[in-house]
Amino acid sequence: MDDKQNGFRLRIVQAIEQLQAVADSSQAAAQPVELDQTRVGRLSRMDALQGQAMAKASEGRRQAQIKALQQALGRIDQGEFGSCLRCGEPIGHARLEANLAVTLCIDCAATDESNAAF
């Protein structure tokens, strides 16, 4: 594994650790909302329910990011990191820098986007 791959590995591991730390610190926001309306008014409860739903959605996105980054680590281990999963061509360095979990080269990603538009 070359220095570039090691650099990506380190950045991916750090990103996973940061996402996990955020997940650990935000668990309280996703806890069930208390039903006792004598302590919390109806509007406050609605705000709490909305906050809970937003926290759960954020957690879902965070877990998806962690999974994608873990898969990127697997591609590094298999020597496939930086290659497009569809065509096998190298993914541009700037594209990898922008998104460590990217799996498609710019051409294949553009094809996906143009097909999704129809």
Protein backbone atom coordinates (compact mmCIF):
# COMPACT_ATOMS: atom_id res chain seq x y z
CA MET A 1 0.00 0.00 0.00
CA ASP A 2 1.49 3.33 -1.02
CA ASP A 3 1.61 6.59 0.92
CA LYS A 4 -1.44 7.96 -0.91
CA GLN A 5 -3.51 4.91 0.08
CA ASN A 6 -2.25 5.18 3.67
CA GLY A 7 -3.26 8.84 3.70
CA PHE A 8 -6.75 7.98 2.50
CA ARG A 9 -6.97 5.15 5.06
CA LEU A 10 -6.07 7.54 7.88
CA ARG A 11 -8.61 10.15 6.72
CA ILE A 12 -11.34 7.50 6.42
CA VAL A 13 -10.66 6.12 9.91
CA GLN A 14 -10.71 9.66 11.34
CA ALA A 15 -13.99 10.43 9.55
CA ILE A 16 -15.58 7.25 10.94
CA GLU A 17 -14.39 8.12 14.46
CA GLN A 18 -15.80 11.67 14.17
CA LEU A 19 -19.16 10.43 12.90
CA GLN A 20 -19.31 7.84 15.68
CA ALA A 21 -18.52 10.51 18.29
CA VAL A 22 -21.34 12.70 16.97
CA ALA A 23 -23.68 9.70 17.00
CA ASP A 24 -22.76 8.92 20.60
CA SER A 25 -23.27 12.51 21.72
CA SER A 26 -26.64 12.93 19.98
CA GLN A 27 -28.37 9.79 21.26
CA ALA A 28 -30.34 11.80 23.81
CA ALA A 29 -32.08 13.77 21.05
CA ALA A 30 -33.58 10.60 19.60
CA GLN A 31 -35.00 9.34 22.89
CA PRO A 32 -38.79 8.93 23.14
CA VAL A 33 -40.73 12.08 23.91
CA GLU A 34 -42.47 12.15 27.29
CA LEU A 35 -46.28 11.99 27.12
CA ASP A 36 -47.03 13.90 30.34
CA GLN A 37 -48.82 17.05 29.08
CA THR A 38 -49.04 18.45 32.61
CA ARG A 39 -45.27 19.01 32.45
CA VAL A 40 -44.91 19.83 28.77
CA GLY A 41 -47.43 21.78 26.72
CA ARG A 42 -48.88 20.48 23.46
CA LEU A 43 -46.81 22.82 21.25
CA SER A 44 -43.64 22.03 23.17
CA ARG A 45 -44.39 18.35 22.73
CA MET A 46 -44.90 18.83 18.99
CA ASP A 47 -41.56 20.64 18.82
CA ALA A 48 -39.97 17.78 20.75
CA LEU A 49 -41.48 15.22 18.36
CA GLN A 50 -40.22 17.17 15.38
CA GLY A 51 -36.76 17.39 16.96
CA GLN A 52 -36.82 13.66 17.63
CA ALA A 53 -37.75 12.91 14.00
CA MET A 54 -34.96 15.15 12.74
CA ALA A 55 -32.47 13.48 15.10
CA LYS A 56 -33.51 10.03 13.85
CA ALA A 57 -33.15 11.12 10.22
CA SER A 58 -29.71 12.58 10.94
CA GLU A 59 -28.68 9.36 12.65
CA GLY A 60 -29.81 7.35 9.63
CA ARG A 61 -27.70 9.50 7.31
CA ARG A 62 -24.76 9.29 9.70
CA GLN A 63 -24.96 5.48 9.84
CA ALA A 64 -25.13 5.34 6.02
CA GLN A 65 -21.98 7.50 5.84
CA ILE A 66 -20.19 5.26 8.33
CA LYS A 67 -21.15 2.17 6.31
CA ALA A 68 -19.94 3.76 3.05
CA LEU A 69 -16.64 4.72 4.69
CA GLN A 70 -16.20 1.20 6.09
CA GLN A 71 -16.76 -0.15 2.59
CA ALA A 72 -14.08 2.26 1.33
CA LEU A 73 -11.68 0.77 3.90
CA GLY A 74 -12.52 -2.66 2.52
CA ARG A 75 -11.73 -1.44 -1.01
CA ILE A 76 -8.35 -0.17 0.24
CA ASP A 77 -7.62 -3.59 1.75
CA GLN A 78 -8.57 -5.30 -1.52
CA GLY A 79 -6.52 -2.86 -3.61
CA GLU A 80 -9.64 -1.53 -5.35
CA PHE A 81 -9.86 1.91 -3.73
CA GLY A 82 -9.78 4.70 -6.29
CA SER A 83 -11.12 2.56 -9.14
CA CYS A 84 -14.64 2.97 -10.50
CA LEU A 85 -16.82 0.04 -9.49
CA ARG A 86 -18.64 0.17 -12.84
CA CYS A 87 -15.97 0.68 -15.51
CA GLY A 88 -12.76 0.06 -13.55
CA GLU A 89 -11.16 3.34 -14.62
CA PRO A 90 -9.34 5.43 -11.99
CA ILE A 91 -11.47 7.90 -10.04
CA GLY A 92 -9.99 11.39 -10.13
CA HIS A 93 -7.90 12.35 -7.10
CA ALA A 94 -9.90 15.55 -6.53
CA ARG A 95 -13.13 13.52 -6.58
CA LEU A 96 -11.72 11.12 -3.95
CA GLU A 97 -10.55 14.08 -1.86
CA ALA A 98 -14.05 15.57 -1.96
CA ASN A 99 -15.79 12.30 -1.04
CA LEU A 100 -13.73 9.50 0.47
CA ALA A 101 -16.53 6.98 -0.09
CA VAL A 102 -17.10 7.74 -3.77
CA THR A 103 -17.41 4.57 -5.88
CA LEU A 104 -17.91 5.85 -9.44
CA CYS A 105 -15.76 7.91 -11.78
CA ILE A 106 -17.20 11.20 -12.97
CA ASP A 107 -18.33 9.73 -16.31
CA CYS A 108 -20.24 6.83 -14.75
CA ALA A 109 -21.75 9.12 -12.11
CA ALA A 110 -22.87 11.54 -14.84
CA THR A 111 -24.49 8.64 -16.73
CA ASP A 112 -26.38 7.65 -13.58
CA GLU A 113 -27.61 11.21 -13.08
CA SER A 114 -28.74 11.62 -16.68
CA ASN A 115 -30.59 8.27 -16.54
CA ALA A 116 -32.28 9.28 -13.27
CA ALA A 117 -33.58 12.49 -14.88
CA PHE A 118 -35.87 10.53 -17.16
